[in-house]
Amino acid sequence: MTEKTNVMRILEQKKVTYKSYFYQSEQALSGVEVAALLEQNPRQVFKTLVTVGKSNRNYVFVIPVEGELDLKKAAKAVGEKSIVMIKEKELLPLTGYVHGGCSPIGMKKFFPTVIHKTAQEFETIFFSAGKIGCQVEVSLEGLSQIICYSIGDLI
């Protein structure tokens, strides 16, 4: 096992049950590649996307790795006229995470978060543990003990 990430420390601090998974990679892989590498159902593996709305507020969307964020549906879900993905170079200073290692848990600041409705179909979902090469598996109930989120139709 490799060292714990801040995401894992936060989960443990809040006494949330989780499983961790590690894989070797020097660079960001697509979520579909990560799911295949870890032999996980890609419908159960989620990616964390950070956006900015017309109001200049940031939002986090957690969607299945096979899906593409529908910006119109996402904007509607958070009550914005429009939203766009933030530039990759803005991700680290804003969230503390790099592309390919972004997690909905443990960002520098809390941003309104919406999780795609298909997450409710599973007992647990997988997402990045805060660095490339590491995933966690957590229930939505467990996740709700750490972050506030809503459920939406985003893809």
N, C-alpha and C. Protein backbone atom coordinates (compact mmCIF):
# COMPACT_ATOMS: atom_id res chain seq x y z
N MET A 1 0.84 -1.20 0.00
CA MET A 1 0.00 0.00 0.00
C MET A 1 0.88 1.25 0.00
N THR A 2 0.47 2.24 -0.76
CA THR A 2 1.21 3.50 -0.75
C THR A 2 0.61 4.42 0.31
N GLU A 3 1.22 5.58 0.47
CA GLU A 3 0.81 6.45 1.57
C GLU A 3 -0.60 7.00 1.41
N LYS A 4 -1.18 7.36 2.54
CA LYS A 4 -2.54 7.89 2.55
C LYS A 4 -2.58 9.29 1.97
N THR A 5 -3.70 9.59 1.31
CA THR A 5 -3.92 10.94 0.78
C THR A 5 -4.75 11.72 1.80
N ASN A 6 -4.86 13.02 1.59
CA ASN A 6 -5.72 13.84 2.45
C ASN A 6 -7.16 13.35 2.40
N VAL A 7 -7.60 12.90 1.23
CA VAL A 7 -8.97 12.37 1.11
C VAL A 7 -9.16 11.22 2.08
N MET A 8 -8.21 10.30 2.14
CA MET A 8 -8.31 9.15 3.04
C MET A 8 -8.28 9.60 4.50
N ARG A 9 -7.43 10.57 4.80
CA ARG A 9 -7.37 11.08 6.18
C ARG A 9 -8.70 11.70 6.59
N ILE A 10 -9.32 12.45 5.68
CA ILE A 10 -10.62 13.07 5.97
C ILE A 10 -11.67 11.99 6.19
N LEU A 11 -11.69 10.98 5.33
CA LEU A 11 -12.65 9.88 5.48
C LEU A 11 -12.47 9.20 6.83
N GLU A 12 -11.23 8.94 7.22
CA GLU A 12 -10.96 8.29 8.51
C GLU A 12 -11.34 9.19 9.68
N GLN A 13 -11.03 10.47 9.56
CA GLN A 13 -11.35 11.43 10.63
C GLN A 13 -12.86 11.46 10.89
N LYS A 14 -13.65 11.35 9.81
CA LYS A 14 -15.12 11.37 9.92
C LYS A 14 -15.69 9.98 10.13
N LYS A 15 -14.78 8.98 10.27
CA LYS A 15 -15.18 7.58 10.50
C LYS A 15 -16.09 7.05 9.39
N VAL A 16 -15.76 7.42 8.15
CA VAL A 16 -16.49 6.94 6.98
C VAL A 16 -15.77 5.73 6.41
N THR A 17 -16.50 4.64 6.21
CA THR A 17 -15.93 3.43 5.64
C THR A 17 -15.59 3.66 4.17
N TYR A 18 -14.40 3.25 3.78
CA TYR A 18 -13.98 3.37 2.38
C TYR A 18 -12.98 2.26 2.06
N LYS A 19 -12.79 2.05 0.78
CA LYS A 19 -11.72 1.17 0.30
C LYS A 19 -10.84 2.00 -0.61
N SER A 20 -9.55 1.73 -0.60
CA SER A 20 -8.63 2.45 -1.48
C SER A 20 -8.06 1.50 -2.52
N TYR A 21 -7.76 2.05 -3.67
CA TYR A 21 -7.21 1.30 -4.80
C TYR A 21 -6.06 2.10 -5.39
N PHE A 22 -4.98 1.42 -5.71
CA PHE A 22 -3.81 2.09 -6.25
C PHE A 22 -3.44 1.50 -7.60
N TYR A 23 -2.93 2.34 -8.47
CA TYR A 23 -2.45 1.89 -9.77
C TYR A 23 -1.24 2.72 -10.15
N GLN A 24 -0.38 2.14 -10.99
CA GLN A 24 0.84 2.84 -11.40
C GLN A 24 0.55 3.71 -12.60
N SER A 25 0.82 5.00 -12.47
CA SER A 25 0.72 5.91 -13.61
C SER A 25 1.44 7.20 -13.28
N GLU A 26 2.24 7.66 -14.21
CA GLU A 26 2.95 8.93 -14.02
C GLU A 26 2.10 10.10 -14.49
N GLN A 27 1.12 9.81 -15.34
CA GLN A 27 0.32 10.89 -15.90
C GLN A 27 -1.16 10.58 -15.73
N ALA A 28 -1.98 11.59 -15.97
CA ALA A 28 -3.42 11.41 -15.86
C ALA A 28 -3.91 10.45 -16.93
N LEU A 29 -4.66 9.45 -16.51
CA LEU A 29 -5.32 8.55 -17.44
C LEU A 29 -6.77 8.97 -17.53
N SER A 30 -7.45 8.54 -18.58
CA SER A 30 -8.89 8.80 -18.63
C SER A 30 -9.54 7.94 -17.56
N GLY A 31 -10.70 8.36 -17.10
CA GLY A 31 -11.42 7.59 -16.10
C GLY A 31 -11.77 6.20 -16.58
N VAL A 32 -12.05 6.08 -17.88
CA VAL A 32 -12.37 4.77 -18.46
C VAL A 32 -11.13 3.87 -18.38
N GLU A 33 -9.94 4.43 -18.64
CA GLU A 33 -8.70 3.66 -18.53
C GLU A 33 -8.46 3.22 -17.08
N VAL A 34 -8.73 4.11 -16.14
CA VAL A 34 -8.56 3.78 -14.72
C VAL A 34 -9.51 2.65 -14.33
N ALA A 35 -10.77 2.77 -14.74
CA ALA A 35 -11.76 1.73 -14.42
C ALA A 35 -11.30 0.37 -14.97
N ALA A 36 -10.79 0.35 -16.20
CA ALA A 36 -10.32 -0.90 -16.81
C ALA A 36 -9.11 -1.45 -16.05
N LEU A 37 -8.18 -0.57 -15.71
CA LEU A 37 -6.97 -0.97 -15.00
C LEU A 37 -7.31 -1.62 -13.65
N LEU A 38 -8.30 -1.06 -12.96
CA LEU A 38 -8.69 -1.56 -11.64
C LEU A 38 -9.83 -2.58 -11.71
N GLU A 39 -10.22 -2.94 -12.94
CA GLU A 39 -11.30 -3.90 -13.16
C GLU A 39 -12.59 -3.48 -12.44
N GLN A 40 -12.92 -2.21 -12.60
CA GLN A 40 -14.14 -1.66 -12.01
C GLN A 40 -15.17 -1.38 -13.11
N ASN A 41 -16.44 -1.40 -12.75
CA ASN A 41 -17.52 -1.07 -13.68
C ASN A 41 -17.43 0.41 -14.01
N PRO A 42 -17.19 0.80 -15.27
CA PRO A 42 -17.04 2.22 -15.59
C PRO A 42 -18.29 3.07 -15.28
N ARG A 43 -19.45 2.42 -15.17
CA ARG A 43 -20.66 3.18 -14.80
C ARG A 43 -20.62 3.57 -13.31
N GLN A 44 -19.79 2.88 -12.54
CA GLN A 44 -19.69 3.10 -11.10
C GLN A 44 -18.48 3.97 -10.73
N VAL A 45 -17.65 4.28 -11.73
CA VAL A 45 -16.46 5.10 -11.53
C VAL A 45 -16.77 6.52 -11.99
N PHE A 46 -16.50 7.49 -11.13
CA PHE A 46 -16.90 8.87 -11.39
C PHE A 46 -15.69 9.79 -11.47
N LYS A 47 -15.83 10.84 -12.28
CA LYS A 47 -14.79 11.86 -12.39
C LYS A 47 -15.32 13.16 -11.81
N THR A 48 -14.40 13.97 -11.31
CA THR A 48 -14.74 15.23 -10.65
C THR A 48 -14.33 16.38 -11.57
N LEU A 49 -15.32 17.18 -11.97
CA LEU A 49 -15.09 18.28 -12.90
C LEU A 49 -15.38 19.61 -12.20
N VAL A 50 -14.55 20.59 -12.45
CA VAL A 50 -14.71 21.90 -11.81
C VAL A 50 -15.03 22.93 -12.89
N THR A 51 -16.05 23.73 -12.63
CA THR A 51 -16.54 24.70 -13.60
C THR A 51 -16.63 26.09 -12.97
N VAL A 52 -16.90 27.06 -13.83
CA VAL A 52 -17.19 28.41 -13.35
C VAL A 52 -18.44 28.89 -14.07
N GLY A 53 -19.33 29.50 -13.30
CA GLY A 53 -20.58 29.98 -13.86
C GLY A 53 -20.48 31.43 -14.31
N LYS A 54 -21.52 31.88 -15.01
CA LYS A 54 -21.58 33.27 -15.47
C LYS A 54 -21.45 34.24 -14.30
N SER A 55 -21.89 33.81 -13.12
CA SER A 55 -21.82 34.63 -11.90
C SER A 55 -20.39 34.69 -11.33
N ASN A 56 -19.47 33.94 -11.93
CA ASN A 56 -18.09 33.80 -11.46
C ASN A 56 -17.95 32.85 -10.27
N ARG A 57 -19.02 32.15 -9.90
CA ARG A 57 -18.95 31.14 -8.84
C ARG A 57 -18.47 29.82 -9.43
N ASN A 58 -17.77 29.05 -8.62
CA ASN A 58 -17.30 27.74 -9.06
C ASN A 58 -18.25 26.65 -8.58
N TYR A 59 -18.33 25.60 -9.39
CA TYR A 59 -19.18 24.45 -9.09
C TYR A 59 -18.41 23.18 -9.41
N VAL A 60 -18.74 22.11 -8.67
CA VAL A 60 -18.12 20.81 -8.88
C VAL A 60 -19.21 19.85 -9.35
N PHE A 61 -18.89 19.08 -10.38
CA PHE A 61 -19.80 18.08 -10.91
C PHE A 61 -19.09 16.73 -10.90
N VAL A 62 -19.78 15.71 -10.39
CA VAL A 62 -19.22 14.37 -10.28
C VAL A 62 -20.07 13.49 -11.18
N ILE A 63 -19.46 13.02 -12.28
CA ILE A 63 -20.21 12.27 -13.28
C ILE A 63 -19.50 10.97 -13.63
N PRO A 64 -20.24 10.00 -14.20
CA PRO A 64 -19.60 8.74 -14.62
C PRO A 64 -18.47 9.03 -15.62
N VAL A 65 -17.39 8.25 -15.52
CA VAL A 65 -16.22 8.49 -16.37
C VAL A 65 -16.53 8.34 -17.86
N GLU A 66 -17.53 7.56 -18.20
CA GLU A 66 -17.87 7.38 -19.61
C GLU A 66 -18.66 8.56 -20.17
N GLY A 67 -19.19 9.40 -19.29
CA GLY A 67 -20.05 10.49 -19.74
C GLY A 67 -19.33 11.79 -19.99
N GLU A 68 -20.01 12.68 -20.68
CA GLU A 68 -19.52 14.04 -20.90
C GLU A 68 -20.50 14.98 -20.21
N LEU A 69 -19.98 15.96 -19.49
CA LEU A 69 -20.83 16.91 -18.80
C LEU A 69 -21.61 17.73 -19.81
N ASP A 70 -22.93 17.76 -19.68
CA ASP A 70 -23.79 18.60 -20.51
C ASP A 70 -23.83 19.96 -19.81
N LEU A 71 -23.17 20.95 -20.38
CA LEU A 71 -23.02 22.25 -19.71
C LEU A 71 -24.37 22.94 -19.49
N LYS A 72 -25.32 22.74 -20.39
CA LYS A 72 -26.65 23.34 -20.22
C LYS A 72 -27.38 22.71 -19.02
N LYS A 73 -27.35 21.38 -18.95
CA LYS A 73 -27.99 20.69 -17.82
C LYS A 73 -27.29 21.04 -16.51
N ALA A 74 -25.96 21.13 -16.56
CA ALA A 74 -25.19 21.46 -15.35
C ALA A 74 -25.54 22.87 -14.88
N ALA A 75 -25.60 23.82 -15.81
CA ALA A 75 -25.95 25.21 -15.45
C ALA A 75 -27.34 25.25 -14.82
N LYS A 76 -28.28 24.53 -15.41
CA LYS A 76 -29.64 24.49 -14.87
C LYS A 76 -29.65 23.90 -13.45
N ALA A 77 -28.84 22.87 -13.24
CA ALA A 77 -28.79 22.20 -11.93
C ALA A 77 -28.33 23.12 -10.81
N VAL A 78 -27.53 24.13 -11.16
CA VAL A 78 -27.01 25.06 -10.13
C VAL A 78 -27.60 26.46 -10.25
N GLY A 79 -28.58 26.63 -11.15
CA GLY A 79 -29.25 27.91 -11.28
C GLY A 79 -28.43 28.99 -11.94
N GLU A 80 -27.55 28.61 -12.84
CA GLU A 80 -26.72 29.57 -13.59
C GLU A 80 -27.25 29.70 -15.01
N LYS A 81 -27.00 30.87 -15.62
CA LYS A 81 -27.35 31.05 -17.03
C LYS A 81 -26.47 30.17 -17.91
N SER A 82 -25.18 30.09 -17.54
CA SER A 82 -24.25 29.24 -18.28
C SER A 82 -23.05 28.93 -17.40
N ILE A 83 -22.37 27.85 -17.74
CA ILE A 83 -21.13 27.50 -17.05
C ILE A 83 -20.13 27.01 -18.09
N VAL A 84 -18.84 27.09 -17.74
CA VAL A 84 -17.77 26.55 -18.58
C VAL A 84 -16.80 25.81 -17.67
N MET A 85 -16.07 24.89 -18.27
CA MET A 85 -15.02 24.19 -17.53
C MET A 85 -13.92 25.19 -17.20
N ILE A 86 -13.30 25.07 -16.03
CA ILE A 86 -12.17 25.96 -15.73
C ILE A 86 -10.97 25.47 -16.54
N LYS A 87 -10.02 26.36 -16.75
CA LYS A 87 -8.81 25.99 -17.47
C LYS A 87 -7.96 25.08 -16.57
N GLU A 88 -7.27 24.13 -17.20
CA GLU A 88 -6.48 23.15 -16.44
C GLU A 88 -5.49 23.84 -15.51
N LYS A 89 -4.87 24.94 -15.95
CA LYS A 89 -3.87 25.62 -15.12
C LYS A 89 -4.50 26.28 -13.88
N GLU A 90 -5.80 26.47 -13.88
CA GLU A 90 -6.50 27.07 -12.73
C GLU A 90 -6.88 26.03 -11.68
N LEU A 91 -6.84 24.75 -12.05
CA LEU A 91 -7.33 23.69 -11.17
C LEU A 91 -6.54 23.59 -9.86
N LEU A 92 -5.22 23.51 -9.95
CA LEU A 92 -4.39 23.34 -8.76
C LEU A 92 -4.52 24.52 -7.79
N PRO A 93 -4.38 25.77 -8.25
CA PRO A 93 -4.51 26.88 -7.28
C PRO A 93 -5.91 26.98 -6.66
N LEU A 94 -6.94 26.60 -7.43
CA LEU A 94 -8.31 26.71 -6.95
C LEU A 94 -8.69 25.59 -5.99
N THR A 95 -8.29 24.34 -6.34
CA THR A 95 -8.76 23.18 -5.58
C THR A 95 -7.69 22.50 -4.74
N GLY A 96 -6.43 22.67 -5.13
CA GLY A 96 -5.34 21.93 -4.49
C GLY A 96 -5.08 20.60 -5.19
N TYR A 97 -5.79 20.33 -6.28
CA TYR A 97 -5.66 19.07 -7.00
C TYR A 97 -5.18 19.30 -8.43
N VAL A 98 -4.51 18.26 -8.97
CA VAL A 98 -4.08 18.31 -10.36
C VAL A 98 -5.08 17.56 -11.24
N HIS A 99 -5.04 17.84 -12.53
CA HIS A 99 -5.88 17.14 -13.50
C HIS A 99 -5.59 15.65 -13.41
N GLY A 100 -6.63 14.84 -13.28
CA GLY A 100 -6.45 13.39 -13.14
C GLY A 100 -6.41 12.94 -11.70
N GLY A 101 -6.37 13.89 -10.77
CA GLY A 101 -6.33 13.55 -9.34
C GLY A 101 -7.30 14.39 -8.53
N CYS A 102 -8.30 14.95 -9.20
CA CYS A 102 -9.25 15.84 -8.52
C CYS A 102 -10.33 15.01 -7.82
N SER A 103 -10.59 15.34 -6.57
CA SER A 103 -11.58 14.62 -5.76
C SER A 103 -12.62 15.61 -5.23
N PRO A 104 -13.87 15.18 -5.07
CA PRO A 104 -14.86 16.08 -4.46
C PRO A 104 -14.60 16.32 -2.98
N ILE A 105 -13.74 15.51 -2.37
CA ILE A 105 -13.41 15.64 -0.95
C ILE A 105 -12.08 16.38 -0.80
N GLY A 106 -12.03 17.33 0.12
CA GLY A 106 -10.76 17.93 0.49
C GLY A 106 -10.25 19.06 -0.38
N MET A 107 -11.12 19.69 -1.16
CA MET A 107 -10.68 20.84 -1.94
C MET A 107 -10.34 21.99 -0.99
N LYS A 108 -9.55 22.95 -1.48
CA LYS A 108 -9.15 24.10 -0.66
C LYS A 108 -10.36 24.83 -0.08
N LYS A 109 -11.42 24.95 -0.89
CA LYS A 109 -12.67 25.58 -0.44
C LYS A 109 -13.80 24.65 -0.84
N PHE A 110 -14.93 24.79 -0.16
CA PHE A 110 -16.09 24.00 -0.56
C PHE A 110 -16.80 24.72 -1.69
N PHE A 111 -17.13 23.99 -2.74
CA PHE A 111 -17.91 24.53 -3.84
C PHE A 111 -19.20 23.71 -3.94
N PRO A 112 -20.31 24.36 -4.35
CA PRO A 112 -21.54 23.58 -4.56
C PRO A 112 -21.23 22.39 -5.47
N THR A 113 -21.69 21.22 -5.05
CA THR A 113 -21.35 19.98 -5.73
C THR A 113 -22.63 19.26 -6.15
N VAL A 114 -22.65 18.78 -7.39
CA VAL A 114 -23.77 18.00 -7.91
C VAL A 114 -23.22 16.67 -8.42
N ILE A 115 -23.85 15.59 -7.98
CA ILE A 115 -23.45 14.25 -8.39
C ILE A 115 -24.50 13.70 -9.34
N HIS A 116 -24.04 13.09 -10.42
CA HIS A 116 -24.98 12.56 -11.41
C HIS A 116 -25.89 11.51 -10.79
N LYS A 117 -27.14 11.54 -11.21
CA LYS A 117 -28.18 10.70 -10.61
C LYS A 117 -27.89 9.20 -10.67
N THR A 118 -27.07 8.75 -11.62
CA THR A 118 -26.80 7.31 -11.71
C THR A 118 -26.01 6.79 -10.51
N ALA A 119 -25.38 7.69 -9.75
CA ALA A 119 -24.65 7.25 -8.55
C ALA A 119 -25.59 6.54 -7.58
N GLN A 120 -26.87 6.90 -7.61
CA GLN A 120 -27.85 6.30 -6.71
C GLN A 120 -28.14 4.83 -7.04
N GLU A 121 -27.70 4.38 -8.21
CA GLU A 121 -27.93 2.99 -8.62
C GLU A 121 -26.97 2.01 -7.94
N PHE A 122 -25.93 2.55 -7.28
CA PHE A 122 -24.88 1.70 -6.73
C PHE A 122 -24.78 1.87 -5.21
N GLU A 123 -24.36 0.81 -4.53
CA GLU A 123 -24.12 0.90 -3.08
C GLU A 123 -22.95 1.81 -2.79
N THR A 124 -21.95 1.77 -3.69
CA THR A 124 -20.76 2.61 -3.54
C THR A 124 -20.38 3.15 -4.92
N ILE A 125 -19.61 4.24 -4.90
CA ILE A 125 -19.03 4.75 -6.14
C ILE A 125 -17.53 4.92 -5.94
N PHE A 126 -16.81 4.93 -7.03
CA PHE A 126 -15.36 5.12 -7.02
C PHE A 126 -15.05 6.52 -7.55
N PHE A 127 -14.05 7.18 -6.97
CA PHE A 127 -13.58 8.45 -7.51
C PHE A 127 -12.15 8.67 -7.02
N SER A 128 -11.50 9.69 -7.55
CA SER A 128 -10.11 9.94 -7.21
C SER A 128 -9.94 10.21 -5.72
N ALA A 129 -8.84 9.69 -5.19
CA ALA A 129 -8.51 9.92 -3.78
C ALA A 129 -7.62 11.14 -3.61
N GLY A 130 -7.53 11.97 -4.65
CA GLY A 130 -6.81 13.22 -4.52
C GLY A 130 -5.43 13.25 -5.14
N LYS A 131 -5.04 12.14 -5.77
CA LYS A 131 -3.79 12.16 -6.53
C LYS A 131 -3.85 11.09 -7.60
N ILE A 132 -3.08 11.31 -8.65
CA ILE A 132 -3.03 10.34 -9.73
C ILE A 132 -2.50 9.02 -9.17
N GLY A 133 -3.18 7.92 -9.54
CA GLY A 133 -2.74 6.61 -9.09
C GLY A 133 -3.49 6.09 -7.89
N CYS A 134 -4.51 6.81 -7.47
CA CYS A 134 -5.23 6.42 -6.26
C CYS A 134 -6.71 6.73 -6.36
N GLN A 135 -7.53 5.73 -6.07
CA GLN A 135 -8.99 5.87 -6.08
C GLN A 135 -9.54 5.43 -4.72
N VAL A 136 -10.71 5.96 -4.37
CA VAL A 136 -11.42 5.46 -3.19
C VAL A 136 -12.82 5.02 -3.61
N GLU A 137 -13.35 4.10 -2.85
CA GLU A 137 -14.71 3.60 -3.03
C GLU A 137 -15.49 3.96 -1.77
N VAL A 138 -16.57 4.73 -1.94
CA VAL A 138 -17.33 5.27 -0.81
C VAL A 138 -18.82 5.20 -1.14
N SER A 139 -19.64 5.01 -0.14
CA SER A 139 -21.10 5.08 -0.34
C SER A 139 -21.52 6.54 -0.41
N LEU A 140 -22.65 6.81 -1.06
CA LEU A 140 -23.17 8.18 -1.09
C LEU A 140 -23.51 8.65 0.32
N GLU A 141 -23.98 7.73 1.15
CA GLU A 141 -24.27 8.07 2.54
C GLU A 141 -23.00 8.52 3.26
N GLY A 142 -21.93 7.79 3.04
CA GLY A 142 -20.65 8.17 3.63
C GLY A 142 -20.16 9.51 3.11
N LEU A 143 -20.29 9.70 1.81
CA LEU A 143 -19.87 10.96 1.20
C LEU A 143 -20.66 12.14 1.78
N SER A 144 -21.93 11.90 2.06
CA SER A 144 -22.78 12.98 2.59
C SER A 144 -22.36 13.40 4.00
N GLN A 145 -21.55 12.59 4.68
CA GLN A 145 -21.04 12.96 6.00
C GLN A 145 -19.87 13.93 5.89
N ILE A 146 -19.35 14.09 4.67
CA ILE A 146 -18.18 14.93 4.46
C ILE A 146 -18.49 16.17 3.64
N ILE A 147 -19.25 16.00 2.57
CA ILE A 147 -19.60 17.15 1.74
C ILE A 147 -21.12 17.22 1.56
N CYS A 148 -21.60 18.43 1.31
CA CYS A 148 -23.00 18.61 0.94
C CYS A 148 -23.07 18.53 -0.57
N TYR A 149 -24.03 17.81 -1.08
CA TYR A 149 -24.17 17.71 -2.53
C TYR A 149 -25.62 17.55 -2.88
N SER A 150 -25.93 17.78 -4.13
CA SER A 150 -27.25 17.49 -4.65
C SER A 150 -27.08 16.47 -5.77
N ILE A 151 -28.19 15.90 -6.19
CA ILE A 151 -28.19 14.91 -7.27
C ILE A 151 -28.83 15.58 -8.48
N GLY A 152 -28.24 15.35 -9.65
CA GLY A 152 -28.80 15.97 -10.85
C GLY A 152 -28.59 15.14 -12.09
N ASP A 153 -29.30 15.54 -13.15
CA ASP A 153 -29.16 14.93 -14.47
C ASP A 153 -28.15 15.80 -15.22
N LEU A 154 -26.94 15.30 -15.39
CA LEU A 154 -25.84 16.15 -15.87
C LEU A 154 -25.24 15.73 -17.20
N ILE A 155 -25.65 14.57 -17.72
CA ILE A 155 -25.02 14.14 -18.98
C ILE A 155 -26.10 13.87 -20.02
